[in-house]
């Protein structure tokens, strides 16, 4: 029987990255690659343990991208002088189709299954406490075709529905762009909520403004949170910087005199001003504008320097810690950052998700 590396790792209480290193070094002789993914050959089928330890909470991640939401849920990172505590969450299975995003994820977070979710969803572990996923937003975004869930990519939310149906986690979190709340998408939103509700979960959804949670960016995102019928209701996290958002200058000032540094991703597009979007100049005493994935080099300009912002500056605006490495080229990094969920925002949502689980544990 073949099982995914992540599933094998979960069974043995190790991280996927650790098991992969064992396999690469020949310590697990039954491990081998199928395409880009490691699998392990075992004699008998086994269930993944529901909890690896009493202290850990297990998580499955779909549409993981480069790992912004996963990093927020895991915690244990620093951003602009503040430490975001470790959440005690163990990511036992993650999936992403984009090769460059997977490269970045592996560098920072560990093992991930690379491939189309429709082809690998059969490899899901038997159980996890939490399922998360930022399903593709291109058909819902105001910068896209506005096709709603009838579009090819945004209809992929059904993969999260299927994962929740199979795993029956205590809590799930599905994320998408704020445009999902537009009147044009009323029918799409109703269908999404109906599909999740039909699984027996209590649904809470709302628009979050990233700048209200310590992210130096005016970014609107919808989080749909479902708690299983036997679990307490979800209570959203309180805003932390509602009247005092982090400004672009506060986030970027220390990088103004830093020369280009490819290893640090402090590189920027040389694209000139054009008639397309992305030509706005940051305002020093306000949060940055929403980071876009498909800006094609037309990323916003620095508030005081005669250039567009660098990828490290874009990562700062998205609240990625400086220790987060982007080993891919400028364009690929640009897309990964623009597609990501801000880790700091995700951390606050994770805190509220954990409150639900802890309340149940106390019962």
Protein backbone atom coordinates (compact mmCIF):
# COMPACT_ATOMS: atom_id res chain seq x y z
CA UNK A 1 0.00 0.00 0.00
CA UNK A 2 1.29 3.45 -0.90
CA UNK A 3 0.68 6.42 1.41
CA UNK A 4 1.79 10.02 1.08
CA UNK A 5 4.89 11.16 2.91
CA UNK A 6 2.79 13.58 4.98
CA UNK A 7 0.46 10.79 6.09
CA UNK A 8 3.41 8.56 7.01
CA UNK A 9 4.99 11.45 8.93
CA UNK A 10 1.76 12.09 10.85
CA UNK A 11 1.56 8.43 11.86
CA UNK A 12 5.10 8.50 13.24
CA UNK A 13 4.87 11.90 14.93
CA UNK A 14 7.50 13.52 12.69
CA UNK A 15 7.35 16.48 10.36
CA UNK A 16 7.05 15.71 6.67
CA UNK A 17 10.32 17.55 6.07
CA UNK A 18 12.17 15.30 8.53
CA UNK A 19 10.79 12.11 6.96
CA UNK A 20 11.65 13.41 3.48
CA UNK A 21 15.26 13.92 4.56
CA UNK A 22 15.31 10.37 5.93
CA UNK A 23 14.03 9.12 2.58
CA UNK A 24 16.54 11.15 0.56
CA UNK A 25 19.37 9.79 2.71
CA UNK A 26 18.20 6.22 2.23
CA UNK A 27 17.10 5.63 5.83
CA UNK A 28 13.59 4.67 4.70
CA UNK A 29 14.14 2.13 1.96
CA UNK A 30 10.47 1.83 1.01
CA UNK A 31 10.20 5.54 0.15
CA UNK A 32 10.34 6.70 -3.43
CA UNK A 33 9.13 9.51 -5.66
CA UNK A 34 6.10 9.53 -7.95
CA UNK A 35 6.51 12.65 -10.05
CA UNK A 36 7.54 15.38 -7.61
CA UNK A 37 5.89 13.79 -4.57
CA UNK A 38 7.35 11.31 -2.08
CA UNK A 39 5.32 8.24 -1.14
CA UNK A 40 6.04 5.45 1.34
CA UNK A 41 5.25 1.78 0.79
CA UNK A 42 3.77 -0.01 3.81
CA UNK A 43 2.48 -3.56 4.37
CA UNK A 44 -0.86 -2.79 6.04
CA UNK A 45 -3.21 0.18 5.87
CA UNK A 46 -3.39 2.28 9.02
CA UNK A 47 -5.41 5.25 10.19
CA UNK A 48 -3.69 8.54 10.88
CA UNK A 49 -3.85 9.20 14.60
CA UNK A 50 -6.46 11.78 15.48
CA UNK A 51 -4.06 13.65 17.76
CA UNK A 52 -0.32 13.10 17.71
CA UNK A 53 0.00 14.37 21.26
CA UNK A 54 -2.37 15.92 23.71
CA UNK A 55 -0.66 19.25 23.11
CA UNK A 56 -0.83 19.32 19.30
CA UNK A 57 -3.72 20.22 17.06
CA UNK A 58 -3.58 18.75 13.55
CA UNK A 59 -4.26 20.70 10.39
CA UNK A 60 -4.82 19.96 6.69
CA UNK A 61 -4.16 22.77 4.21
CA UNK A 62 -5.57 23.03 0.67
CA UNK A 63 -4.60 25.64 -1.93
CA UNK A 64 -1.65 26.42 0.34
CA UNK A 65 0.21 28.77 -2.01
CA UNK A 66 3.60 29.73 -0.63
CA UNK A 67 2.28 29.27 2.92
CA UNK A 68 0.99 32.61 4.24
CA UNK A 69 -2.10 31.20 5.95
CA UNK A 70 -0.22 28.08 7.09
CA UNK A 71 2.50 30.21 8.70
CA UNK A 72 -0.14 32.25 10.49
CA UNK A 73 -1.83 29.13 11.85
CA UNK A 74 1.48 27.60 12.90
CA UNK A 75 2.69 30.83 14.54
CA UNK A 76 6.15 31.31 16.09
CA UNK A 77 7.39 34.19 13.93
CA UNK A 78 8.35 37.84 14.32
CA UNK A 79 7.01 40.81 12.41
CA UNK A 80 7.99 44.46 12.95
CA UNK A 81 9.31 43.80 16.43
CA UNK A 82 6.37 41.75 17.64
CA UNK A 83 6.47 38.01 18.28
CA UNK A 84 3.48 35.90 17.23
CA UNK A 85 3.46 32.89 19.51
CA UNK A 86 3.55 29.29 18.39
CA UNK A 87 0.00 27.94 18.22
CA UNK A 88 0.73 24.27 18.80
CA UNK A 89 -0.72 23.36 15.41
CA UNK A 90 0.91 20.57 13.38
CA UNK A 91 0.41 20.78 9.61
CA UNK A 92 0.11 17.10 8.64
CA UNK A 93 -0.94 17.51 4.98
CA UNK A 94 -0.70 20.39 2.52
CA UNK A 95 -1.31 20.73 -1.21
CA UNK A 96 -0.59 23.29 -3.92
CA UNK A 97 -0.50 23.02 -7.71
CA UNK A 98 2.01 25.79 -8.48
CA UNK A 99 5.59 24.52 -8.60
CA UNK A 100 7.25 27.79 -7.56
CA UNK A 101 4.89 28.20 -4.61
CA UNK A 102 5.68 24.63 -3.53
CA UNK A 103 9.40 25.40 -3.71
CA UNK A 104 8.89 28.36 -1.38
CA UNK A 105 6.60 26.38 0.95
CA UNK A 106 9.14 23.56 1.33
CA UNK A 107 11.88 26.06 2.08
CA UNK A 108 9.93 27.66 4.91
CA UNK A 109 7.31 25.24 6.22
CA UNK A 110 8.18 21.68 5.24
CA UNK A 111 6.60 19.00 3.09
CA UNK A 112 3.79 19.72 0.63
CA UNK A 113 2.10 17.57 -2.00
CA UNK A 114 2.49 19.21 -5.38
CA UNK A 115 -0.28 18.66 -7.90
CA UNK A 116 -3.88 19.24 -8.92
CA UNK A 117 -6.15 18.94 -5.87
CA UNK A 118 -8.58 16.81 -7.91
CA UNK A 119 -5.81 14.27 -8.49
CA UNK A 120 -4.41 14.13 -4.94
CA UNK A 121 -7.52 14.57 -2.78
CA UNK A 122 -7.67 10.79 -2.36
CA UNK A 123 -4.45 11.06 -0.34
CA UNK A 124 -6.10 13.11 2.42
CA UNK A 125 -5.43 11.81 5.92
CA UNK A 126 -8.31 10.16 7.74
CA UNK A 127 -8.62 12.95 10.27
CA UNK A 128 -7.40 16.43 11.25
CA UNK A 129 -8.72 18.90 13.79
CA UNK A 130 -8.68 21.81 11.33
CA UNK A 131 -9.01 22.13 7.54
CA UNK A 132 -8.02 25.42 5.91
CA UNK A 133 -7.86 26.68 2.33
CA UNK A 134 -7.83 29.89 0.35
CA UNK A 135 -9.67 28.71 -2.75
CA UNK A 136 -8.71 30.48 -6.02
CA UNK A 137 -10.26 33.93 -6.31
CA UNK A 138 -9.58 34.96 -9.90
CA UNK A 139 -13.21 34.50 -10.99
CA UNK A 140 -14.49 36.52 -8.02
CA UNK A 141 -11.91 39.30 -7.80
CA UNK A 142 -12.85 42.71 -9.21
CA UNK A 143 -9.63 42.43 -11.23
CA UNK A 144 -10.83 39.16 -12.77
CA UNK A 145 -13.69 38.10 -15.04
CA UNK A 146 -16.27 38.16 -12.21
CA UNK A 147 -17.64 34.77 -13.30
CA UNK A 148 -18.24 33.70 -9.70
CA UNK A 149 -18.29 30.00 -8.90
CA UNK A 150 -19.21 29.29 -12.51
CA UNK A 151 -15.62 30.13 -13.36
CA UNK A 152 -13.15 27.28 -13.74
CA UNK A 153 -10.93 28.21 -10.78
CA UNK A 154 -13.29 29.59 -8.15
CA UNK A 155 -15.47 26.48 -8.46
CA UNK A 156 -12.60 24.68 -6.77
CA UNK A 157 -14.07 25.65 -3.40
CA UNK A 158 -15.86 22.29 -3.78
CA UNK A 159 -12.53 20.59 -2.99
CA UNK A 160 -12.64 22.16 0.47
CA UNK A 161 -16.25 20.98 0.83
CA UNK A 162 -15.14 17.45 -0.10
CA UNK A 163 -12.20 17.55 2.32
CA UNK A 164 -14.43 18.72 5.17
CA UNK A 165 -16.97 16.02 4.30
CA UNK A 166 -14.30 13.30 4.41
CA UNK A 167 -12.24 14.47 7.38
CA UNK A 168 -15.02 15.92 9.58
CA UNK A 169 -12.67 18.39 11.32
CA UNK A 170 -13.70 20.32 14.38
CA UNK A 171 -13.27 23.59 12.48
CA UNK A 172 -12.67 24.61 8.87
CA UNK A 173 -11.61 27.96 7.45
CA UNK A 174 -12.15 28.94 3.79
CA UNK A 175 -10.74 32.27 2.60
CA UNK A 176 -11.45 34.40 -0.45
CA UNK A 177 -11.44 38.00 -1.67
CA UNK A 178 -13.74 40.66 -0.26
CA UNK A 179 -15.48 40.88 -3.64
CA UNK A 180 -17.33 37.68 -2.69
CA UNK A 181 -19.66 39.96 -0.72
CA UNK A 182 -20.65 42.03 -3.78
CA UNK A 183 -24.27 41.87 -4.93
CA UNK A 184 -23.07 40.43 -8.24
CA UNK A 185 -21.88 37.35 -6.34
CA UNK A 186 -24.99 36.88 -4.19
CA UNK A 187 -25.84 33.60 -5.88
CA UNK A 188 -22.26 32.30 -5.70
CA UNK A 189 -21.99 33.23 -2.03
CA UNK A 190 -25.35 31.62 -1.23
CA UNK A 191 -24.30 28.39 -2.95
CA UNK A 192 -20.95 28.26 -1.16
CA UNK A 193 -22.53 28.82 2.25
CA UNK A 194 -25.28 26.32 1.49
CA UNK A 195 -22.77 23.63 0.50
CA UNK A 196 -20.77 24.07 3.70
CA UNK A 197 -23.87 24.29 5.91
CA UNK A 198 -25.22 21.05 4.45
CA UNK A 199 -22.29 19.22 6.07
CA UNK A 200 -23.69 19.97 9.53
CA UNK A 201 -21.43 22.90 10.37
CA UNK A 202 -22.35 26.20 12.01
CA UNK A 203 -21.18 28.89 9.60
CA UNK A 204 -19.74 32.31 10.40
CA UNK A 205 -18.51 34.60 7.64
CA UNK A 206 -17.42 38.19 7.47
CA UNK A 207 -15.07 40.60 5.72
CA UNK A 208 -11.79 41.22 7.52
CA UNK A 209 -9.76 44.38 6.93
CA UNK A 210 -6.11 43.37 7.20
CA UNK A 211 -5.02 46.81 8.40
CA UNK A 212 -7.20 46.36 11.52
CA UNK A 213 -5.03 43.44 12.63
CA UNK A 214 -1.51 44.84 12.35
CA UNK A 215 -0.95 44.23 8.63
CA UNK A 216 0.39 47.37 6.86
CA UNK A 217 -2.01 46.95 3.94
CA UNK A 218 -5.60 47.84 3.06
CA UNK A 219 -6.67 44.34 2.10
CA UNK A 220 -10.21 42.96 2.35
CA UNK A 221 -10.69 39.24 2.70
CA UNK A 222 -13.68 37.05 3.53
CA UNK A 223 -13.15 34.19 5.97
CA UNK A 224 -15.83 31.50 6.10
CA UNK A 225 -15.42 29.57 9.34
CA UNK A 226 -17.40 26.42 10.06
CA UNK A 227 -17.59 24.70 13.44
CA UNK A 228 -18.85 21.15 13.62
CA UNK A 229 -22.31 20.72 15.11
CA UNK A 230 -20.94 19.41 18.42
CA UNK A 231 -18.46 22.29 18.80
CA UNK A 232 -18.87 25.79 20.30
CA UNK A 233 -19.62 28.65 17.90
CA UNK A 234 -16.77 30.66 16.38
CA UNK A 235 -16.17 34.16 17.74
CA UNK A 236 -14.08 36.36 15.39
CA UNK A 237 -10.86 37.89 16.71
CA UNK A 238 -11.02 41.50 17.95
CA UNK A 239 -9.28 44.16 15.89
CA UNK A 240 -5.89 45.17 17.25
CA UNK A 241 -5.00 48.29 15.22
CA UNK A 242 -8.46 49.61 14.31
CA UNK A 243 -7.62 53.27 14.94
CA UNK A 244 -3.86 53.05 14.58
CA UNK A 245 -2.94 50.99 11.49
CA UNK A 246 0.69 50.26 10.66
CA UNK A 247 1.83 52.64 7.93
CA UNK A 248 3.96 51.95 4.88
CA UNK A 249 6.81 54.00 6.31
CA UNK A 250 6.71 52.15 9.63
CA UNK A 251 6.91 48.87 7.73
CA UNK A 252 9.57 49.81 5.18
CA UNK A 253 11.70 52.70 6.50
CA UNK A 254 14.66 50.53 7.56
CA UNK A 255 14.98 49.19 3.99
CA UNK A 256 15.25 52.59 2.29
CA UNK A 257 19.06 52.65 2.29
CA UNK A 258 19.55 48.95 1.72
CA UNK A 259 21.07 48.10 -1.68
CA UNK A 260 19.67 45.42 -3.97
CA UNK A 261 20.06 42.03 -2.33
CA UNK A 262 18.80 39.04 -4.28
CA UNK A 263 19.27 36.57 -1.40
CA UNK A 264 17.00 38.78 0.74
CA UNK A 265 14.52 39.24 -2.15
CA UNK A 266 15.23 42.96 -2.03
CA UNK A 267 14.90 43.25 -5.81
CA UNK A 268 12.35 45.23 -7.77
CA UNK A 269 10.73 45.52 -11.17
CA UNK A 270 12.14 48.02 -13.61
CA UNK A 271 8.78 48.40 -15.36
CA UNK A 272 8.02 52.00 -16.29
CA UNK A 273 4.76 53.82 -15.71
CA UNK A 274 2.03 52.51 -18.00
CA UNK A 275 -1.71 52.82 -18.39
CA UNK A 276 -2.34 49.65 -16.40
CA UNK A 277 -3.07 49.17 -12.70
CA UNK A 278 -0.30 49.17 -10.13
CA UNK A 279 1.14 52.60 -10.85
CA UNK A 280 0.07 54.22 -7.61
CA UNK A 281 2.68 55.50 -5.23
CA UNK A 282 2.57 54.35 -1.63
CA UNK A 283 1.61 57.03 0.88
CA UNK A 284 4.13 57.05 3.72
CA UNK A 285 1.67 57.64 6.56
CA UNK A 286 -0.95 55.15 5.37
CA UNK A 287 -0.98 51.35 5.02
CA UNK A 288 0.06 50.01 1.62
CA UNK A 289 -2.40 49.28 -1.16
CA UNK A 290 -3.68 45.75 -1.75
CA UNK A 291 -0.96 43.49 -3.14
CA UNK A 292 -1.99 41.94 -6.45
CA UNK A 293 -0.82 38.60 -7.80
CA UNK A 294 -1.07 39.40 -11.50
CA UNK A 295 0.44 42.86 -11.60
CA UNK A 296 2.85 41.86 -14.40
CA UNK A 297 5.60 44.02 -12.96
CA UNK A 298 3.28 46.98 -12.36
CA UNK A 299 3.60 46.76 -8.60
CA UNK A 300 3.15 50.02 -6.68
CA UNK A 301 5.93 52.58 -6.34
CA UNK A 302 7.85 53.38 -3.18
CA UNK A 303 6.58 56.39 -1.21
CA UNK A 304 9.91 58.27 -1.46
CA UNK A 305 12.36 56.37 -3.67
CA UNK A 306 12.30 56.58 -7.50
CA UNK A 307 11.46 52.90 -8.02
CA UNK A 308 8.79 50.28 -7.54
CA UNK A 309 8.79 48.46 -4.23
CA UNK A 310 11.00 45.41 -3.85
CA UNK A 311 9.76 41.88 -3.26
CA UNK A 312 10.97 42.06 0.35
CA UNK A 313 9.04 45.30 0.79
CA UNK A 314 5.98 43.67 -0.76
CA UNK A 315 6.42 40.75 1.65
CA UNK A 316 6.56 43.23 4.54
CA UNK A 317 3.31 44.83 3.35
CA UNK A 318 1.81 41.32 3.43
CA UNK A 319 3.23 40.82 6.97
CA UNK A 320 5.70 38.04 6.08
CA UNK A 321 8.63 37.91 8.51
CA UNK A 322 12.06 38.75 7.10
CA UNK A 323 13.12 35.16 7.83
CA UNK A 324 10.64 33.91 5.22
CA UNK A 325 12.72 33.01 2.15
CA UNK A 326 11.55 33.34 -1.45
CA UNK A 327 13.93 31.13 -3.47
CA UNK A 328 12.16 31.81 -6.79
CA UNK A 329 12.54 34.58 -9.39
CA UNK A 330 11.03 38.06 -9.23
CA UNK A 331 7.84 37.35 -11.20
CA UNK A 332 7.12 34.09 -9.39
CA UNK A 333 7.74 35.75 -6.03
CA UNK A 334 5.48 38.64 -7.02
CA UNK A 335 2.61 36.21 -7.71
CA UNK A 336 3.17 34.23 -4.52
CA UNK A 337 3.13 37.32 -2.33
CA UNK A 338 0.06 38.76 -4.06
CA UNK A 339 -1.86 35.48 -3.72
CA UNK A 340 -0.98 34.95 -0.08
CA UNK A 341 -3.07 35.37 3.04
CA UNK A 342 -1.20 37.80 5.35
CA UNK A 343 0.38 35.62 8.07
CA UNK A 344 -0.42 38.13 10.82
CA UNK A 345 -4.12 38.21 9.88
CA UNK A 346 -4.17 34.41 9.68
CA UNK A 347 -2.55 34.21 13.12
CA UNK A 348 -5.39 36.21 14.67
CA UNK A 349 -8.00 34.01 12.98
CA UNK A 350 -6.10 30.93 14.20
CA UNK A 351 -6.28 32.25 17.76
CA UNK A 352 -10.07 32.31 17.57
CA UNK A 353 -10.16 28.86 15.96
CA UNK A 354 -8.04 27.50 18.80
CA UNK A 355 -10.42 29.09 21.31
CA UNK A 356 -13.21 26.95 19.86
CA UNK A 357 -11.13 23.79 20.23
CA UNK A 358 -9.95 24.65 23.74
CA UNK A 359 -13.51 25.34 24.87
CA UNK A 360 -14.50 21.88 23.64
CA UNK A 361 -11.48 20.29 25.33
CA UNK A 362 -12.44 21.89 28.66
CA UNK A 363 -15.92 20.37 28.34
